[in-house]
């Protein structure tokens, strides 16, 4: 019984702490992964670098969601990030929250 409880606890913890595959699938479906990767720079910064930069920013989800929706430039260099017209406001917040979980 004790082993079963430990196994359940380990599975639950890994599910909570690991980035969601569903959110990564959303990022892929919305073409975010064309310019970003989890762990290395492509055209835009690696998501792990974005998460590290905004780790202590309580308003990070809203800031990043706005950048997803409206685009931005100058934070990560000269290459601008275009607005993503395929993403709803709710999806932008979900994607931003997901990016902040990546380590």
PDB file of N, CA and C in Angstrom:
ATOM      1  N   UNK A   1       0.825  -1.191   0.000  1.00  0.00           N
ATOM      2  CA  UNK A   1       0.000   0.000   0.000  1.00  0.00           C
ATOM      3  C   UNK A   1       0.873   1.260   0.000  1.00  0.00           C
ATOM      4  N   UNK A   2       1.925   1.249   0.844  1.00  0.00           N
ATOM      5  CA  UNK A   2       2.813   2.405   0.937  1.00  0.00           C
ATOM      6  C   UNK A   2       3.513   2.653  -0.398  1.00  0.00           C
ATOM      7  N   UNK A   3       3.925   1.580  -1.093  1.00  0.00           N
ATOM      8  CA  UNK A   3       4.573   1.725  -2.392  1.00  0.00           C
ATOM      9  C   UNK A   3       3.609   2.321  -3.412  1.00  0.00           C
ATOM     10  N   UNK A   4       2.348   1.910  -3.361  1.00  0.00           N
ATOM     11  CA  UNK A   4       1.350   2.456  -4.283  1.00  0.00           C
ATOM     12  C   UNK A   4       1.155   3.952  -4.063  1.00  0.00           C
ATOM     13  N   UNK A   5       1.097   4.365  -2.802  1.00  0.00           N
ATOM     14  CA  UNK A   5       0.931   5.785  -2.494  1.00  0.00           C
ATOM     15  C   UNK A   5       2.134   6.593  -2.960  1.00  0.00           C
ATOM     16  N   UNK A   6       3.327   6.051  -2.785  1.00  0.00           N
ATOM     17  CA  UNK A   6       4.534   6.744  -3.250  1.00  0.00           C
ATOM     18  C   UNK A   6       4.539   6.859  -4.775  1.00  0.00           C
ATOM     19  N   UNK A   7       4.123   5.809  -5.450  1.00  0.00           N
ATOM     20  CA  UNK A   7       4.073   5.836  -6.908  1.00  0.00           C
ATOM     21  C   UNK A   7       3.060   6.863  -7.399  1.00  0.00           C
ATOM     22  N   UNK A   8       1.912   6.908  -6.770  1.00  0.00           N
ATOM     23  CA  UNK A   8       0.883   7.879  -7.147  1.00  0.00           C
ATOM     24  C   UNK A   8       1.383   9.298  -6.892  1.00  0.00           C
ATOM     25  N   UNK A   9       2.037   9.515  -5.758  1.00  0.00           N
ATOM     26  CA  UNK A   9       2.575  10.841  -5.439  1.00  0.00           C
ATOM     27  C   UNK A   9       3.628  11.258  -6.462  1.00  0.00           C
ATOM     28  N   UNK A  10       4.493  10.350  -6.862  1.00  0.00           N
ATOM     29  CA  UNK A  10       5.538  10.662  -7.837  1.00  0.00           C
ATOM     30  C   UNK A  10       4.935  11.004  -9.197  1.00  0.00           C
ATOM     31  N   UNK A  11       3.945  10.258  -9.607  1.00  0.00           N
ATOM     32  CA  UNK A  11       3.288  10.528 -10.894  1.00  0.00           C
ATOM     33  C   UNK A  11       2.583  11.881 -10.852  1.00  0.00           C
ATOM     34  N   UNK A  12       1.893  12.155  -9.768  1.00  0.00           N
ATOM     35  CA  UNK A  12       1.186  13.426  -9.627  1.00  0.00           C
ATOM     36  C   UNK A  12       2.165  14.586  -9.640  1.00  0.00           C
ATOM     37  N   UNK A  13       3.259  14.478  -8.912  1.00  0.00           N
ATOM     38  CA  UNK A  13       4.251  15.547  -8.865  1.00  0.00           C
ATOM     39  C   UNK A  13       4.873  15.789 -10.225  1.00  0.00           C
ATOM     40  N   UNK A  14       5.185  14.732 -10.942  1.00  0.00           N
ATOM     41  CA  UNK A  14       5.789  14.911 -12.265  1.00  0.00           C
ATOM     42  C   UNK A  14       4.798  15.542 -13.234  1.00  0.00           C
ATOM     43  N   UNK A  15       3.533  15.231 -13.097  1.00  0.00           N
ATOM     44  CA  UNK A  15       2.524  15.821 -13.971  1.00  0.00           C
ATOM     45  C   UNK A  15       2.352  17.307 -13.694  1.00  0.00           C
ATOM     46  N   UNK A  16       2.492  17.706 -12.452  1.00  0.00           N
ATOM     47  CA  UNK A  16       2.324  19.108 -12.087  1.00  0.00           C
ATOM     48  C   UNK A  16       3.552  19.917 -12.452  1.00  0.00           C
ATOM     49  N   UNK A  17       4.746  19.367 -12.268  1.00  0.00           N
ATOM     50  CA  UNK A  17       5.959  20.150 -12.463  1.00  0.00           C
ATOM     51  C   UNK A  17       6.475  20.145 -13.900  1.00  0.00           C
ATOM     52  N   UNK A  18       6.081  19.202 -14.699  1.00  0.00           N
ATOM     53  CA  UNK A  18       6.564  19.129 -16.075  1.00  0.00           C
ATOM     54  C   UNK A  18       5.705  20.011 -16.986  1.00  0.00           C
ATOM     55  N   UNK A  19       6.334  20.619 -17.984  1.00  0.00           N
ATOM     56  CA  UNK A  19       5.542  21.395 -18.936  1.00  0.00           C
ATOM     57  C   UNK A  19       4.492  20.514 -19.599  1.00  0.00           C
ATOM     58  N   UNK A  20       3.335  21.063 -19.844  1.00  0.00           N
ATOM     59  CA  UNK A  20       2.233  20.313 -20.421  1.00  0.00           C
ATOM     60  C   UNK A  20       2.470  20.047 -21.904  1.00  0.00           C
ATOM     61  N   UNK A  21       2.320  18.799 -22.299  1.00  0.00           N
ATOM     62  CA  UNK A  21       2.470  18.453 -23.717  1.00  0.00           C
ATOM     63  C   UNK A  21       1.337  19.066 -24.528  1.00  0.00           C
ATOM     64  N   UNK A  22       0.157  19.207 -23.915  1.00  0.00           N
ATOM     65  CA  UNK A  22      -0.964  19.826 -24.617  1.00  0.00           C
ATOM     66  C   UNK A  22      -0.648  21.281 -24.951  1.00  0.00           C
ATOM     67  N   UNK A  23       0.018  21.989 -24.029  1.00  0.00           N
ATOM     68  CA  UNK A  23       0.380  23.376 -24.283  1.00  0.00           C
ATOM     69  C   UNK A  23       1.482  23.470 -25.335  1.00  0.00           C
ATOM     70  N   UNK A  24       2.386  22.522 -25.345  1.00  0.00           N
ATOM     71  CA  UNK A  24       3.402  22.506 -26.396  1.00  0.00           C
ATOM     72  C   UNK A  24       2.741  22.225 -27.746  1.00  0.00           C
ATOM     73  N   UNK A  25       1.747  21.365 -27.746  1.00  0.00           N
ATOM     74  CA  UNK A  25       1.015  21.095 -28.987  1.00  0.00           C
ATOM     75  C   UNK A  25       0.294  22.353 -29.466  1.00  0.00           C
ATOM     76  N   UNK A  26      -0.247  23.140 -28.532  1.00  0.00           N
ATOM     77  CA  UNK A  26      -0.881  24.401 -28.900  1.00  0.00           C
ATOM     78  C   UNK A  26       0.148  25.349 -29.512  1.00  0.00           C
ATOM     79  N   UNK A  27       1.325  25.426 -28.903  1.00  0.00           N
ATOM     80  CA  UNK A  27       2.396  26.280 -29.434  1.00  0.00           C
ATOM     81  C   UNK A  27       2.787  25.840 -30.837  1.00  0.00           C
ATOM     82  N   UNK A  28       2.824  24.555 -31.066  1.00  0.00           N
ATOM     83  CA  UNK A  28       3.147  24.030 -32.399  1.00  0.00           C
ATOM     84  C   UNK A  28       2.030  24.361 -33.380  1.00  0.00           C
ATOM     85  N   UNK A  29       0.789  24.157 -32.962  1.00  0.00           N
ATOM     86  CA  UNK A  29      -0.354  24.416 -33.834  1.00  0.00           C
ATOM     87  C   UNK A  29      -0.474  25.889 -34.202  1.00  0.00           C
ATOM     88  N   UNK A  30      -0.057  26.765 -33.320  1.00  0.00           N
ATOM     89  CA  UNK A  30      -0.167  28.211 -33.558  1.00  0.00           C
ATOM     90  C   UNK A  30       1.123  28.785 -34.158  1.00  0.00           C
ATOM     91  N   UNK A  31       2.015  27.930 -34.608  1.00  0.00           N
ATOM     92  CA  UNK A  31       3.265  28.284 -35.296  1.00  0.00           C
ATOM     93  C   UNK A  31       4.298  28.972 -34.417  1.00  0.00           C
ATOM     94  N   UNK A  32       4.161  28.901 -33.105  1.00  0.00           N
ATOM     95  CA  UNK A  32       5.162  29.493 -32.211  1.00  0.00           C
ATOM     96  C   UNK A  32       6.500  28.764 -32.339  1.00  0.00           C
ATOM     97  N   UNK A  33       6.434  27.453 -32.541  1.00  0.00           N
ATOM     98  CA  UNK A  33       7.646  26.639 -32.593  1.00  0.00           C
ATOM     99  C   UNK A  33       8.426  26.834 -33.903  1.00  0.00           C
ATOM    100  N   UNK A  34       7.871  27.585 -34.832  1.00  0.00           N
ATOM    101  CA  UNK A  34       8.609  27.897 -36.058  1.00  0.00           C
ATOM    102  C   UNK A  34       9.778  28.838 -35.753  1.00  0.00           C
ATOM    103  N   UNK A  35       9.623  29.665 -34.715  1.00  0.00           N
ATOM    104  CA  UNK A  35      10.662  30.648 -34.364  1.00  0.00           C
ATOM    105  C   UNK A  35      11.279  30.422 -32.987  1.00  0.00           C
ATOM    106  N   UNK A  36      10.678  29.569 -32.176  1.00  0.00           N
ATOM    107  CA  UNK A  36      11.165  29.308 -30.822  1.00  0.00           C
ATOM    108  C   UNK A  36      11.346  27.813 -30.603  1.00  0.00           C
ATOM    109  N   UNK A  37      12.239  27.474 -29.687  1.00  0.00           N
ATOM    110  CA  UNK A  37      12.423  26.094 -29.234  1.00  0.00           C
ATOM    111  C   UNK A  37      12.457  26.126 -27.713  1.00  0.00           C
ATOM    112  N   UNK A  38      12.313  24.977 -27.107  1.00  0.00           N
ATOM    113  CA  UNK A  38      12.322  24.908 -25.649  1.00  0.00           C
ATOM    114  C   UNK A  38      13.668  25.315 -25.070  1.00  0.00           C
ATOM    115  N   UNK A  39      14.760  24.826 -25.683  1.00  0.00           N
ATOM    116  CA  UNK A  39      16.060  24.939 -25.023  1.00  0.00           C
ATOM    117  C   UNK A  39      17.167  25.600 -25.836  1.00  0.00           C
ATOM    118  N   UNK A  40      16.838  26.140 -27.006  1.00  0.00           N
ATOM    119  CA  UNK A  40      17.865  26.844 -27.787  1.00  0.00           C
ATOM    120  C   UNK A  40      17.219  27.919 -28.660  1.00  0.00           C
ATOM    121  N   UNK A  41      18.004  28.931 -28.979  1.00  0.00           N
ATOM    122  CA  UNK A  41      17.536  30.030 -29.817  1.00  0.00           C
ATOM    123  C   UNK A  41      17.321  29.525 -31.240  1.00  0.00           C
ATOM    124  N   UNK A  42      16.228  29.928 -31.831  1.00  0.00           N
ATOM    125  CA  UNK A  42      15.987  29.663 -33.251  1.00  0.00           C
ATOM    126  C   UNK A  42      16.032  31.051 -33.900  1.00  0.00           C
ATOM    127  N   UNK A  43      14.910  31.612 -34.248  1.00  0.00           N
ATOM    128  CA  UNK A  43      14.844  33.014 -34.669  1.00  0.00           C
ATOM    129  C   UNK A  43      14.663  33.869 -33.417  1.00  0.00           C
ATOM    130  N   UNK A  44      13.756  33.411 -32.560  1.00  0.00           N
ATOM    131  CA  UNK A  44      13.514  34.059 -31.278  1.00  0.00           C
ATOM    132  C   UNK A  44      14.212  33.294 -30.170  1.00  0.00           C
ATOM    133  N   UNK A  45      14.129  33.811 -28.958  1.00  0.00           N
ATOM    134  CA  UNK A  45      14.831  33.175 -27.837  1.00  0.00           C
ATOM    135  C   UNK A  45      14.241  31.822 -27.455  1.00  0.00           C
ATOM    136  N   UNK A  46      15.060  31.019 -26.779  1.00  0.00           N
ATOM    137  CA  UNK A  46      14.587  29.739 -26.233  1.00  0.00           C
ATOM    138  C   UNK A  46      13.556  30.029 -25.152  1.00  0.00           C
ATOM    139  N   UNK A  47      12.551  29.199 -25.064  1.00  0.00           N
ATOM    140  CA  UNK A  47      11.526  29.395 -24.040  1.00  0.00           C
ATOM    141  C   UNK A  47      12.112  29.319 -22.633  1.00  0.00           C
ATOM    142  N   UNK A  48      13.133  28.494 -22.426  1.00  0.00           N
ATOM    143  CA  UNK A  48      13.743  28.423 -21.095  1.00  0.00           C
ATOM    144  C   UNK A  48      14.398  29.748 -20.731  1.00  0.00           C
ATOM    145  N   UNK A  49      14.923  30.461 -21.719  1.00  0.00           N
ATOM    146  CA  UNK A  49      15.523  31.771 -21.466  1.00  0.00           C
ATOM    147  C   UNK A  49      14.456  32.822 -21.162  1.00  0.00           C
ATOM    148  N   UNK A  50      13.329  32.734 -21.851  1.00  0.00           N
ATOM    149  CA  UNK A  50      12.213  33.647 -21.567  1.00  0.00           C
ATOM    150  C   UNK A  50      11.714  33.403 -20.141  1.00  0.00           C
ATOM    151  N   UNK A  51      11.549  32.140 -19.783  1.00  0.00           N
ATOM    152  CA  UNK A  51      11.076  31.800 -18.439  1.00  0.00           C
ATOM    153  C   UNK A  51      12.039  32.321 -17.374  1.00  0.00           C
ATOM    154  N   UNK A  52      13.329  32.187 -17.614  1.00  0.00           N
ATOM    155  CA  UNK A  52      14.327  32.665 -16.651  1.00  0.00           C
ATOM    156  C   UNK A  52      14.285  34.189 -16.524  1.00  0.00           C
ATOM    157  N   UNK A  53      14.141  34.880 -17.639  1.00  0.00           N
ATOM    158  CA  UNK A  53      14.122  36.348 -17.632  1.00  0.00           C
ATOM    159  C   UNK A  53      12.930  36.886 -16.843  1.00  0.00           C
ATOM    160  N   UNK A  54      11.786  36.229 -16.953  1.00  0.00           N
ATOM    161  CA  UNK A  54      10.559  36.710 -16.331  1.00  0.00           C
ATOM    162  C   UNK A  54      10.189  35.943 -15.050  1.00  0.00           C
ATOM    163  N   UNK A  55      11.115  35.157 -14.519  1.00  0.00           N
ATOM    164  CA  UNK A  55      10.817  34.292 -13.376  1.00  0.00           C
ATOM    165  C   UNK A  55      10.270  35.040 -12.161  1.00  0.00           C
ATOM    166  N   UNK A  56      10.750  36.221 -11.889  1.00  0.00           N
ATOM    167  CA  UNK A  56      10.320  36.958 -10.702  1.00  0.00           C
ATOM    168  C   UNK A  56       9.353  38.089 -11.015  1.00  0.00           C
ATOM    169  N   UNK A  57       8.808  38.092 -12.210  1.00  0.00           N
ATOM    170  CA  UNK A  57       7.893  39.143 -12.640  1.00  0.00           C
ATOM    171  C   UNK A  57       6.456  38.660 -12.461  1.00  0.00           C
ATOM    172  N   UNK A  58       5.753  39.232 -11.503  1.00  0.00           N
ATOM    173  CA  UNK A  58       4.378  38.799 -11.224  1.00  0.00           C
ATOM    174  C   UNK A  58       3.414  39.098 -12.377  1.00  0.00           C
ATOM    175  N   UNK A  59       3.741  40.053 -13.215  1.00  0.00           N
ATOM    176  CA  UNK A  59       2.894  40.393 -14.353  1.00  0.00           C
ATOM    177  C   UNK A  59       3.336  39.755 -15.655  1.00  0.00           C
ATOM    178  N   UNK A  60       4.204  38.760 -15.557  1.00  0.00           N
ATOM    179  CA  UNK A  60       4.804  38.161 -16.755  1.00  0.00           C
ATOM    180  C   UNK A  60       3.782  37.530 -17.691  1.00  0.00           C
ATOM    181  N   UNK A  61       2.785  36.845 -17.155  1.00  0.00           N
ATOM    182  CA  UNK A  61       1.808  36.187 -18.033  1.00  0.00           C
ATOM    183  C   UNK A  61       1.113  37.225 -18.906  1.00  0.00           C
ATOM    184  N   UNK A  62       0.670  38.323 -18.301  1.00  0.00           N
ATOM    185  CA  UNK A  62      -0.010  39.355 -19.074  1.00  0.00           C
ATOM    186  C   UNK A  62       0.931  40.035 -20.074  1.00  0.00           C
ATOM    187  N   UNK A  63       2.177  40.297 -19.662  1.00  0.00           N
ATOM    188  CA  UNK A  63       3.153  40.926 -20.562  1.00  0.00           C
ATOM    189  C   UNK A  63       3.447  40.033 -21.763  1.00  0.00           C
ATOM    190  N   UNK A  64       3.687  38.757 -21.499  1.00  0.00           N
ATOM    191  CA  UNK A  64       4.008  37.843 -22.591  1.00  0.00           C
ATOM    192  C   UNK A  64       2.800  37.586 -23.481  1.00  0.00           C
ATOM    193  N   UNK A  65       1.613  37.488 -22.885  1.00  0.00           N
ATOM    194  CA  UNK A  65       0.396  37.296 -23.689  1.00  0.00           C
ATOM    195  C   UNK A  65       0.201  38.481 -24.629  1.00  0.00           C
ATOM    196  N   UNK A  66       0.463  39.695 -24.151  1.00  0.00           N
ATOM    197  CA  UNK A  66       0.344  40.884 -25.003  1.00  0.00           C
ATOM    198  C   UNK A  66       1.346  40.832 -26.148  1.00  0.00           C
ATOM    199  N   UNK A  67       2.557  40.359 -25.878  1.00  0.00           N
ATOM    200  CA  UNK A  67       3.570  40.249 -26.944  1.00  0.00           C
ATOM    201  C   UNK A  67       3.151  39.197 -27.974  1.00  0.00           C
ATOM    202  N   UNK A  68       2.540  38.121 -27.520  1.00  0.00           N
ATOM    203  CA  UNK A  68       2.068  37.089 -28.442  1.00  0.00           C
ATOM    204  C   UNK A  68       0.993  37.677 -29.351  1.00  0.00           C
ATOM    205  N   UNK A  69       0.076  38.425 -28.772  1.00  0.00           N
ATOM    206  CA  UNK A  69      -1.044  38.984 -29.535  1.00  0.00           C
ATOM    207  C   UNK A  69      -0.651  40.158 -30.422  1.00  0.00           C
ATOM    208  N   UNK A  70       0.214  41.049 -29.913  1.00  0.00           N
ATOM    209  CA  UNK A  70       0.516  42.298 -30.616  1.00  0.00           C
ATOM    210  C   UNK A  70       1.899  42.331 -31.260  1.00  0.00           C
ATOM    211  N   UNK A  71       2.757  41.390 -30.884  1.00  0.00           N
ATOM    212  CA  UNK A  71       4.128  41.409 -31.372  1.00  0.00           C
ATOM    213  C   UNK A  71       4.982  42.301 -30.489  1.00  0.00           C
ATOM    214  N   UNK A  72       6.247  42.390 -30.813  1.00  0.00           N
ATOM    215  CA  UNK A  72       7.151  43.214 -30.028  1.00  0.00           C
ATOM    216  C   UNK A  72       8.529  43.237 -30.659  1.00  0.00           C
ATOM    217  N   UNK A  73       9.396  44.078 -30.111  1.00  0.00           N
ATOM    218  CA  UNK A  73      10.762  44.138 -30.611  1.00  0.00           C
ATOM    219  C   UNK A  73      11.672  44.768 -29.574  1.00  0.00           C
ATOM    220  N   UNK A  74      12.962  44.509 -29.728  1.00  0.00           N
ATOM    221  CA  UNK A  74      13.970  45.149 -28.908  1.00  0.00           C
ATOM    222  C   UNK A  74      14.346  44.451 -27.625  1.00  0.00           C
ATOM    223  N   UNK A  75      13.532  43.543 -27.127  1.00  0.00           N
ATOM    224  CA  UNK A  75      13.837  42.877 -25.862  1.00  0.00           C
ATOM    225  C   UNK A  75      14.923  41.828 -26.050  1.00  0.00           C
ATOM    226  N   UNK A  76      14.884  41.110 -27.161  1.00  0.00           N
ATOM    227  CA  UNK A  76      15.819  40.011 -27.407  1.00  0.00           C
ATOM    228  C   UNK A  76      16.731  40.288 -28.593  1.00  0.00           C
ATOM    229  N   UNK A  77      16.827  41.512 -29.013  1.00  0.00           N
ATOM    230  CA  UNK A  77      17.671  41.857 -30.143  1.00  0.00           C
ATOM    231  C   UNK A  77      16.872  42.580 -31.208  1.00  0.00           C
ATOM    232  N   UNK A  78      17.457  42.682 -32.378  1.00  0.00           N
ATOM    233  CA  UNK A  78      16.859  43.481 -33.452  1.00  0.00           C
ATOM    234  C   UNK A  78      15.695  42.794 -34.157  1.00  0.00           C
ATOM    235  N   UNK A  79      15.635  41.474 -34.105  1.00  0.00           N
ATOM    236  CA  UNK A  79      14.587  40.739 -34.821  1.00  0.00           C
ATOM    237  C   UNK A  79      13.238  40.942 -34.131  1.00  0.00           C
ATOM    238  N   UNK A  80      12.254  41.534 -34.821  1.00  0.00           N
ATOM    239  CA  UNK A  80      10.940  41.733 -34.199  1.00  0.00           C
ATOM    240  C   UNK A  80      10.140  40.434 -34.164  1.00  0.00           C
ATOM    241  N   UNK A  81       9.265  40.344 -33.170  1.00  0.00           N
ATOM    242  CA  UNK A  81       8.327  39.228 -33.103  1.00  0.00           C
ATOM    243  C   UNK A  81       7.012  39.734 -33.671  1.00  0.00           C
ATOM    244  N   UNK A  82       6.515  39.119 -34.741  1.00  0.00           N
ATOM    245  CA  UNK A  82       5.246  39.578 -35.304  1.00  0.00           C
ATOM    246  C   UNK A  82       4.065  39.189 -34.424  1.00  0.00           C
ATOM    247  N   UNK A  83       2.989  39.920 -34.538  1.00  0.00           N
ATOM    248  CA  UNK A  83       1.751  39.563 -33.848  1.00  0.00           C
ATOM    249  C   UNK A  83       1.271  38.210 -34.383  1.00  0.00           C
ATOM    250  N   UNK A  84       0.642  37.436 -33.527  1.00  0.00           N
ATOM    251  CA  UNK A  84       0.120  36.141 -33.952  1.00  0.00           C
ATOM    252  C   UNK A  84      -1.405  36.233 -34.020  1.00  0.00           C
ATOM    253  N   UNK A  85      -1.934  36.450 -35.205  1.00  0.00           N
ATOM    254  CA  UNK A  85      -3.373  36.610 -35.402  1.00  0.00           C
ATOM    255  C   UNK A  85      -4.143  35.303 -35.234  1.00  0.00           C
ATOM    256  N   UNK A  86      -3.436  34.175 -35.174  1.00  0.00           N
ATOM    257  CA  UNK A  86      -4.089  32.876 -35.020  1.00  0.00           C
ATOM    258  C   UNK A  86      -4.448  32.569 -33.567  1.00  0.00           C
ATOM    259  N   UNK A  87      -3.966  33.383 -32.631  1.00  0.00           N
ATOM    260  CA  UNK A  87      -4.087  33.092 -31.204  1.00  0.00           C
ATOM    261  C   UNK A  87      -5.148  33.993 -30.571  1.00  0.00           C
ATOM    262  N   UNK A  88      -6.056  33.396 -29.808  1.00  0.00           N
ATOM    263  CA  UNK A  88      -7.037  34.173 -29.051  1.00  0.00           C
ATOM    264  C   UNK A  88      -6.374  34.697 -27.777  1.00  0.00           C
ATOM    265  N   UNK A  89      -7.035  35.610 -27.095  1.00  0.00           N
ATOM    266  CA  UNK A  89      -6.484  36.146 -25.850  1.00  0.00           C
ATOM    267  C   UNK A  89      -6.323  35.041 -24.804  1.00  0.00           C
ATOM    268  N   UNK A  90      -7.294  34.151 -24.702  1.00  0.00           N
ATOM    269  CA  UNK A  90      -7.210  33.039 -23.741  1.00  0.00           C
ATOM    270  C   UNK A  90      -6.041  32.113 -24.090  1.00  0.00           C
ATOM    271  N   UNK A  91      -5.869  31.831 -25.374  1.00  0.00           N
ATOM    272  CA  UNK A  91      -4.750  30.981 -25.801  1.00  0.00           C
ATOM    273  C   UNK A  91      -3.417  31.667 -25.526  1.00  0.00           C
ATOM    274  N   UNK A  92      -3.345  32.973 -25.744  1.00  0.00           N
ATOM    275  CA  UNK A  92      -2.106  33.712 -25.489  1.00  0.00           C
ATOM    276  C   UNK A  92      -1.730  33.618 -24.011  1.00  0.00           C
ATOM    277  N   UNK A  93      -2.704  33.749 -23.126  1.00  0.00           N
ATOM    278  CA  UNK A  93      -2.420  33.639 -21.691  1.00  0.00           C
ATOM    279  C   UNK A  93      -2.001  32.216 -21.324  1.00  0.00           C
ATOM    280  N   UNK A  94      -2.641  31.233 -21.938  1.00  0.00           N
ATOM    281  CA  UNK A  94      -2.280  29.839 -21.689  1.00  0.00           C
ATOM    282  C   UNK A  94      -0.855  29.559 -22.165  1.00  0.00           C
ATOM    283  N   UNK A  95      -0.516  30.051 -23.352  1.00  0.00           N
ATOM    284  CA  UNK A  95       0.835  29.863 -23.885  1.00  0.00           C
ATOM    285  C   UNK A  95       1.864  30.582 -23.021  1.00  0.00           C
ATOM    286  N   UNK A  96       1.571  31.799 -22.611  1.00  0.00           N
ATOM    287  CA  UNK A  96       2.506  32.561 -21.770  1.00  0.00           C
ATOM    288  C   UNK A  96       2.738  31.839 -20.448  1.00  0.00           C
ATOM    289  N   UNK A  97       1.679  31.365 -19.826  1.00  0.00           N
ATOM    290  CA  UNK A  97       1.811  30.629 -18.558  1.00  0.00           C
ATOM    291  C   UNK A  97       2.647  29.370 -18.765  1.00  0.00           C
ATOM    292  N   UNK A  98       2.434  28.690 -19.871  1.00  0.00           N
ATOM    293  CA  UNK A  98       3.212  27.477 -20.183  1.00  0.00           C
ATOM    294  C   UNK A  98       4.688  27.804 -20.359  1.00  0.00           C
ATOM    295  N   UNK A  99       4.994  28.853 -21.124  1.00  0.00           N
ATOM    296  CA  UNK A  99       6.394  29.233 -21.360  1.00  0.00           C
ATOM    297  C   UNK A  99       7.093  29.471 -20.018  1.00  0.00           C
ATOM    298  N   UNK A 100       6.418  30.079 -19.085  1.00  0.00           N
ATOM    299  CA  UNK A 100       7.032  30.390 -17.790  1.00  0.00           C
ATOM    300  C   UNK A 100       7.337  29.156 -16.948  1.00  0.00           C
ATOM    301  N   UNK A 101       6.804  27.986 -17.331  1.00  0.00           N
ATOM    302  CA  UNK A 101       7.081  26.750 -16.593  1.00  0.00           C
ATOM    303  C   UNK A 101       8.328  26.031 -17.097  1.00  0.00           C
ATOM    304  N   UNK A 102       8.867  26.474 -18.219  1.00  0.00           N
ATOM    305  CA  UNK A 102       9.956  25.738 -18.858  1.00  0.00           C
ATOM    306  C   UNK A 102      11.288  26.085 -18.196  1.00  0.00           C
ATOM    307  N   UNK A 103      12.050  25.046 -17.911  1.00  0.00           N
ATOM    308  CA  UNK A 103      13.348  25.217 -17.258  1.00  0.00           C
ATOM    309  C   UNK A 103      14.453  24.631 -18.094  1.00  0.00           C
TER     310      UNK A 103
END
